[in-house]
N, C-alpha and C. Protein backbone atom coordinates (compact mmCIF):
# COMPACT_ATOMS: atom_id res chain seq x y z
N MET A 1 0.76 -1.38 -0.39
CA MET A 1 -0.06 -0.26 0.11
C MET A 1 0.83 1.27 0.14
N GLU A 2 0.41 2.01 -0.77
CA GLU A 2 1.50 3.46 -0.90
C GLU A 2 1.03 4.48 -0.03
N ASP A 3 2.09 4.92 0.80
CA ASP A 3 1.71 6.14 1.73
C ASP A 3 1.30 7.36 1.24
N LYS A 4 0.07 7.81 1.21
CA LYS A 4 -0.34 9.27 0.59
C LYS A 4 -0.56 10.12 1.57
N LEU A 5 0.01 11.54 1.38
CA LEU A 5 -0.04 12.80 2.08
C LEU A 5 -1.78 13.16 1.93
N LEU A 6 -2.48 13.41 3.21
CA LEU A 6 -3.67 13.56 3.41
C LEU A 6 -4.12 15.36 3.25
N MET A 7 -3.16 15.83 3.86
CA MET A 7 -3.39 17.40 3.50
C MET A 7 -2.43 18.61 2.98
N ILE A 8 -1.29 17.85 2.72
CA ILE A 8 -0.31 18.93 2.32
C ILE A 8 0.41 18.03 0.89
N SER A 9 1.03 18.58 0.10
CA SER A 9 1.53 18.10 -0.91
C SER A 9 3.04 17.75 -0.77
N GLU A 10 3.50 17.15 -1.51
CA GLU A 10 4.88 16.90 -1.21
C GLU A 10 5.79 17.59 -1.24
N ARG A 11 5.62 18.64 -2.12
CA ARG A 11 6.81 19.44 -1.60
C ARG A 11 6.36 20.49 -0.19
N ASN A 12 5.07 20.52 0.21
CA ASN A 12 5.25 21.07 1.50
C ASN A 12 5.96 20.23 2.34
N ARG A 13 5.20 18.89 2.18
CA ARG A 13 6.03 17.91 3.22
C ARG A 13 7.70 18.12 3.40
N ASN A 14 8.13 18.02 2.26
CA ASN A 14 9.80 18.25 2.06
C ASN A 14 10.06 19.52 2.78
N GLU A 15 9.20 20.63 2.57
CA GLU A 15 9.70 22.07 3.30
C GLU A 15 9.40 21.94 4.71
N VAL A 16 8.45 21.28 5.35
CA VAL A 16 8.29 21.02 7.07
C VAL A 16 9.53 20.16 7.74
N ALA A 17 9.94 19.14 6.89
CA ALA A 17 10.93 18.06 6.71
C ALA A 17 12.19 18.97 7.05
N GLN A 18 12.59 19.93 6.04
CA GLN A 18 13.79 20.44 6.14
C GLN A 18 13.75 21.16 7.38
N LEU A 19 12.75 22.06 7.65
CA LEU A 19 12.70 23.21 8.61
C LEU A 19 12.77 22.58 9.99
N LEU A 20 12.43 21.23 10.59
CA LEU A 20 12.04 20.92 11.63
C LEU A 20 13.68 20.91 12.31
N PRO A 21 13.60 20.91 13.44
CA PRO A 21 14.89 20.73 14.10
C PRO A 21 15.69 19.49 14.26
N ASP A 22 16.98 19.14 14.10
CA ASP A 22 17.48 17.93 14.30
C ASP A 22 17.26 17.47 15.60
N GLU A 23 17.97 16.45 15.68
CA GLU A 23 17.55 15.56 16.83
C GLU A 23 18.45 16.27 17.98
N ASP A 24 19.60 16.35 17.63
CA ASP A 24 20.41 17.51 18.74
C ASP A 24 20.01 18.05 19.16
N CYS A 25 19.22 19.18 18.22
CA CYS A 25 18.63 20.47 18.88
C CYS A 25 17.37 20.39 19.64
N THR A 26 16.48 19.10 19.42
CA THR A 26 15.17 18.95 20.10
C THR A 26 15.70 18.17 21.40
N ASN A 27 16.68 17.43 21.61
CA ASN A 27 17.11 16.78 22.66
C ASN A 27 17.74 18.03 23.62
N LYS A 28 18.30 19.10 22.85
CA LYS A 28 18.62 20.17 23.80
C LYS A 28 17.79 21.24 24.43
N LEU A 29 16.68 21.12 23.22
CA LEU A 29 15.19 21.94 23.93
C LEU A 29 14.47 21.21 24.93
N ALA A 30 14.36 19.60 24.58
CA ALA A 30 13.92 19.18 25.90
C ALA A 30 14.43 19.26 27.10
N LEU A 31 15.81 19.26 27.38
CA LEU A 31 16.39 19.50 28.37
C LEU A 31 16.14 20.82 29.33
N TYR A 32 16.19 22.01 28.31
CA TYR A 32 15.91 23.06 28.71
C TYR A 32 14.87 23.48 29.07
N PHE A 33 13.56 23.02 28.47
CA PHE A 33 12.49 22.91 29.22
C PHE A 33 11.89 21.93 30.41
N GLN A 34 13.06 20.87 30.71
CA GLN A 34 12.78 20.40 31.82
C GLN A 34 12.87 21.42 32.90
N ASN A 35 13.82 22.18 32.73
CA ASN A 35 13.98 23.16 33.96
C ASN A 35 12.46 23.74 34.28
N PHE A 36 11.79 23.71 33.53
CA PHE A 36 10.39 24.77 33.94
C PHE A 36 9.48 23.61 33.83
N SER A 37 9.78 22.57 34.40
CA SER A 37 8.54 21.47 34.81
C SER A 37 9.15 21.02 36.18
N ASP A 38 9.74 21.81 36.42
CA ASP A 38 10.00 21.71 38.10
C ASP A 38 9.71 23.23 39.18
N GLN A 39 8.65 22.72 40.06
CA GLN A 39 8.28 24.14 40.80
C GLN A 39 9.59 24.79 41.21
N THR A 40 9.95 23.86 42.02
CA THR A 40 11.27 24.43 42.93
C THR A 40 12.22 25.32 41.77
N ARG A 41 12.72 24.93 40.68
CA ARG A 41 13.37 25.52 39.94
C ARG A 41 12.53 26.59 39.26
N ILE A 42 11.37 26.34 38.95
CA ILE A 42 10.72 27.72 38.61
C ILE A 42 10.77 28.93 39.68
N ARG A 43 10.42 28.64 40.67
CA ARG A 43 10.96 29.45 41.74
C ARG A 43 12.10 30.25 41.67
N ILE A 44 13.03 29.40 41.61
CA ILE A 44 14.36 29.97 41.90
C ILE A 44 14.74 30.78 40.38
N LEU A 45 14.58 30.47 39.54
CA LEU A 45 14.40 31.52 38.19
C LEU A 45 13.49 32.47 38.40
N SER A 46 12.61 32.60 39.28
CA SER A 46 11.49 33.91 38.91
C SER A 46 12.43 35.06 40.11
N ALA A 47 12.72 34.16 41.47
CA ALA A 47 13.31 34.79 42.29
C ALA A 47 14.40 35.53 41.88
N LEU A 48 15.68 35.16 40.77
CA LEU A 48 16.73 35.34 40.58
C LEU A 48 16.40 36.79 39.38
N SER A 49 14.86 36.36 38.62
CA SER A 49 14.56 37.40 37.99
C SER A 49 14.52 38.64 38.26
N ILE A 50 14.43 38.62 39.33
CA ILE A 50 14.08 39.93 40.36
C ILE A 50 15.85 40.44 40.76
N ARG A 51 16.45 39.77 41.58
CA ARG A 51 17.45 39.94 41.86
C ARG A 51 18.54 38.83 41.97
N GLU A 52 19.66 39.03 42.08
CA GLU A 52 20.85 38.16 42.47
C GLU A 52 21.11 37.88 43.85
N LEU A 53 20.95 36.54 43.98
CA LEU A 53 20.65 35.88 45.69
C LEU A 53 21.62 34.86 45.78
N CYS A 54 22.18 34.61 47.08
CA CYS A 54 22.99 33.52 47.53
C CYS A 54 22.02 32.37 47.88
N VAL A 55 22.70 31.14 48.18
CA VAL A 55 21.80 29.93 48.15
C VAL A 55 21.01 30.55 49.91
N ASN A 56 21.67 31.05 50.69
CA ASN A 56 21.03 31.23 51.59
C ASN A 56 19.43 32.29 51.78
N ASP A 57 19.95 32.92 50.81
CA ASP A 57 18.50 34.01 50.56
C ASP A 57 17.56 33.28 49.82
N LEU A 58 17.98 32.84 48.93
CA LEU A 58 17.28 31.91 48.09
C LEU A 58 16.49 31.09 48.86
N SER A 59 17.15 30.45 50.34
CA SER A 59 16.54 28.95 50.76
C SER A 59 15.48 29.74 51.87
N LYS A 60 16.01 31.06 52.44
CA LYS A 60 15.08 31.87 53.12
C LYS A 60 13.54 31.88 52.62
N VAL A 61 14.02 32.84 50.92
CA VAL A 61 12.71 33.36 50.56
C VAL A 61 11.73 31.99 49.99
N LEU A 62 12.48 31.27 49.59
CA LEU A 62 11.67 30.10 48.98
C LEU A 62 11.27 28.96 50.13
N GLY A 63 11.62 29.42 51.25
CA GLY A 63 11.20 27.93 52.34
C GLY A 63 11.29 26.92 51.99
N GLN A 64 12.74 26.64 51.16
CA GLN A 64 13.23 25.38 50.97
C GLN A 64 14.88 25.40 51.71
N ASN A 65 15.07 23.88 51.98
CA ASN A 65 16.45 24.01 52.66
C ASN A 65 17.16 24.27 51.76
N GLN A 66 18.81 24.13 52.22
CA GLN A 66 19.56 25.10 51.34
C GLN A 66 20.30 23.48 50.25
N THR A 67 20.14 22.47 51.09
CA THR A 67 20.60 21.42 49.81
C THR A 67 19.84 21.32 48.91
N THR A 68 18.42 21.43 49.03
CA THR A 68 17.48 21.35 47.69
C THR A 68 17.64 22.38 46.96
N ILE A 69 17.99 23.77 47.65
CA ILE A 69 18.39 25.05 46.55
C ILE A 69 19.65 24.70 45.75
N SER A 70 20.46 24.41 46.47
CA SER A 70 22.13 24.13 46.26
C SER A 70 21.62 22.82 44.98
N HIS A 71 21.13 22.02 44.99
CA HIS A 71 21.05 20.96 44.08
C HIS A 71 20.31 21.21 42.90
N GLN A 72 19.21 22.11 42.93
CA GLN A 72 18.57 22.64 41.77
C GLN A 72 19.34 23.53 41.24
N LEU A 73 20.23 24.43 41.77
CA LEU A 73 20.71 25.61 41.08
C LEU A 73 21.93 24.89 40.43
N LYS A 74 22.52 23.72 40.98
CA LYS A 74 23.35 23.04 40.15
C LYS A 74 22.78 22.44 38.73
N THR A 75 21.78 22.04 38.56
CA THR A 75 21.20 21.90 37.58
C THR A 75 20.78 22.93 36.57
N LEU A 76 20.36 23.81 37.18
CA LEU A 76 20.28 24.92 36.41
C LEU A 76 21.53 25.63 35.94
N LYS A 77 22.78 25.81 36.60
CA LYS A 77 23.61 25.76 36.19
C LYS A 77 24.51 25.10 35.23
N ASP A 78 24.42 23.58 35.44
CA ASP A 78 24.64 22.70 34.27
C ASP A 78 24.05 23.02 32.59
N GLN A 79 22.50 23.60 32.98
CA GLN A 79 21.91 23.84 31.61
C GLN A 79 22.18 25.13 31.19
N GLY A 80 23.23 25.84 31.86
CA GLY A 80 23.28 27.27 31.46
C GLY A 80 22.23 28.20 31.35
N MET A 81 21.46 28.33 32.59
CA MET A 81 20.46 29.11 32.90
C MET A 81 20.62 30.03 33.58
N VAL A 82 21.85 29.69 34.88
CA VAL A 82 22.23 30.42 35.72
C VAL A 82 23.66 30.50 36.04
N ASP A 83 24.34 31.31 36.55
CA ASP A 83 25.63 31.57 36.60
C ASP A 83 25.96 31.96 38.18
N CYS A 84 27.12 31.66 38.47
CA CYS A 84 27.49 32.76 40.22
C CYS A 84 28.63 33.32 39.79
N LYS A 85 28.74 34.24 40.73
CA LYS A 85 29.86 35.11 41.12
C LYS A 85 30.25 34.89 42.59
N ARG A 86 31.37 35.02 42.92
CA ARG A 86 32.23 34.71 44.20
C ARG A 86 32.12 36.38 44.79
N ASP A 87 31.85 36.55 46.07
CA ASP A 87 31.80 37.67 46.88
C ASP A 87 32.12 37.38 48.38
N GLY A 88 33.76 37.30 48.00
CA GLY A 88 34.08 36.63 49.54
C GLY A 88 33.84 35.11 49.83
N LYS A 89 33.18 34.59 50.74
CA LYS A 89 32.97 33.52 50.75
C LYS A 89 31.75 32.81 50.07
N ILE A 90 31.29 33.76 49.77
CA ILE A 90 29.51 33.52 49.25
C ILE A 90 29.22 33.17 47.64
N LEU A 91 28.60 32.41 47.17
CA LEU A 91 28.19 32.67 45.80
C LEU A 91 26.94 33.19 45.51
N ILE A 92 27.00 34.39 44.61
CA ILE A 92 25.68 35.32 44.47
C ILE A 92 25.60 34.62 43.14
N TYR A 93 24.00 33.96 42.90
CA TYR A 93 23.51 33.56 41.68
C TYR A 93 22.50 34.33 40.99
N PHE A 94 22.81 34.29 39.58
CA PHE A 94 22.27 35.03 38.58
C PHE A 94 21.64 34.76 37.44
N LEU A 95 20.60 35.12 36.58
CA LEU A 95 20.47 34.21 35.63
C LEU A 95 21.28 34.75 34.24
N LYS A 96 21.73 33.75 33.66
CA LYS A 96 23.11 33.81 33.04
C LYS A 96 22.11 34.94 31.49
N SER A 97 20.86 34.77 31.26
CA SER A 97 20.23 35.18 30.07
C SER A 97 19.00 35.82 30.46
N GLU A 98 18.92 37.37 29.91
CA GLU A 98 17.20 37.55 30.15
C GLU A 98 16.39 37.02 29.50
N LEU A 99 16.65 36.27 28.47
CA LEU A 99 15.67 35.13 27.60
C LEU A 99 15.32 34.10 28.73
N VAL A 100 15.75 34.19 29.72
CA VAL A 100 15.17 33.05 30.51
C VAL A 100 14.00 33.48 31.07
N ASN A 101 13.92 34.78 31.56
CA ASN A 101 13.13 35.51 32.26
C ASN A 101 11.65 35.75 30.96
N ASP A 102 12.21 35.95 30.01
CA ASP A 102 11.46 36.29 28.80
C ASP A 102 10.57 35.16 28.52
N VAL A 103 11.24 33.70 28.49
CA VAL A 103 10.37 32.67 28.51
C VAL A 103 9.40 32.34 29.36
N MET A 104 9.62 32.63 30.45
CA MET A 104 8.76 32.48 31.74
C MET A 104 7.62 33.50 31.43
N LEU A 105 7.69 34.60 31.35
CA LEU A 105 7.03 35.97 31.23
C LEU A 105 6.15 35.14 30.09
N TYR A 106 6.45 34.86 28.89
CA TYR A 106 5.54 34.49 27.81
C TYR A 106 4.69 33.21 28.39
N ALA A 107 5.22 32.20 29.04
CA ALA A 107 4.34 31.05 29.59
C ALA A 107 3.21 31.79 30.78
N VAL A 108 3.73 32.64 31.31
CA VAL A 108 2.20 33.34 32.26
C VAL A 108 1.52 33.91 31.18
N LYS A 109 1.90 34.27 30.51
CA LYS A 109 0.82 35.14 29.49
C LYS A 109 -0.08 34.10 28.88
N ALA A 110 0.71 33.06 28.61
CA ALA A 110 -0.37 31.72 27.95
C ALA A 110 -1.15 31.32 28.66
N ILE A 111 -1.02 31.31 30.06
CA ILE A 111 -2.12 30.51 31.04
C ILE A 111 -2.91 31.34 31.79
N VAL A 112 -2.48 32.74 31.75
CA VAL A 112 -3.63 33.75 32.41
C VAL A 112 -4.70 33.97 31.31
């Protein structure tokens, strides 16, 4: 049996196929968006979109223990979403790109 396209032409099928992101890109996108699937990470990103904070301050603001916050910050840092700078013995965390905040703002607009 022959595979037939129902709604688009072969030319349009080829165009769509060429414009789809490759597997490496979709894997990276999936990892990126996984960061938005965890409430603690979303709250951390939200707090850091307001101001730079250390682990202790994030822990107090979010009502989570420091171990949990540190673990989630490591995940976010590994994904390139946050970075840190040293101030004496304290690490200060911040959003690596304003685009992270933009993604969250667009998502909020989509659900409201």
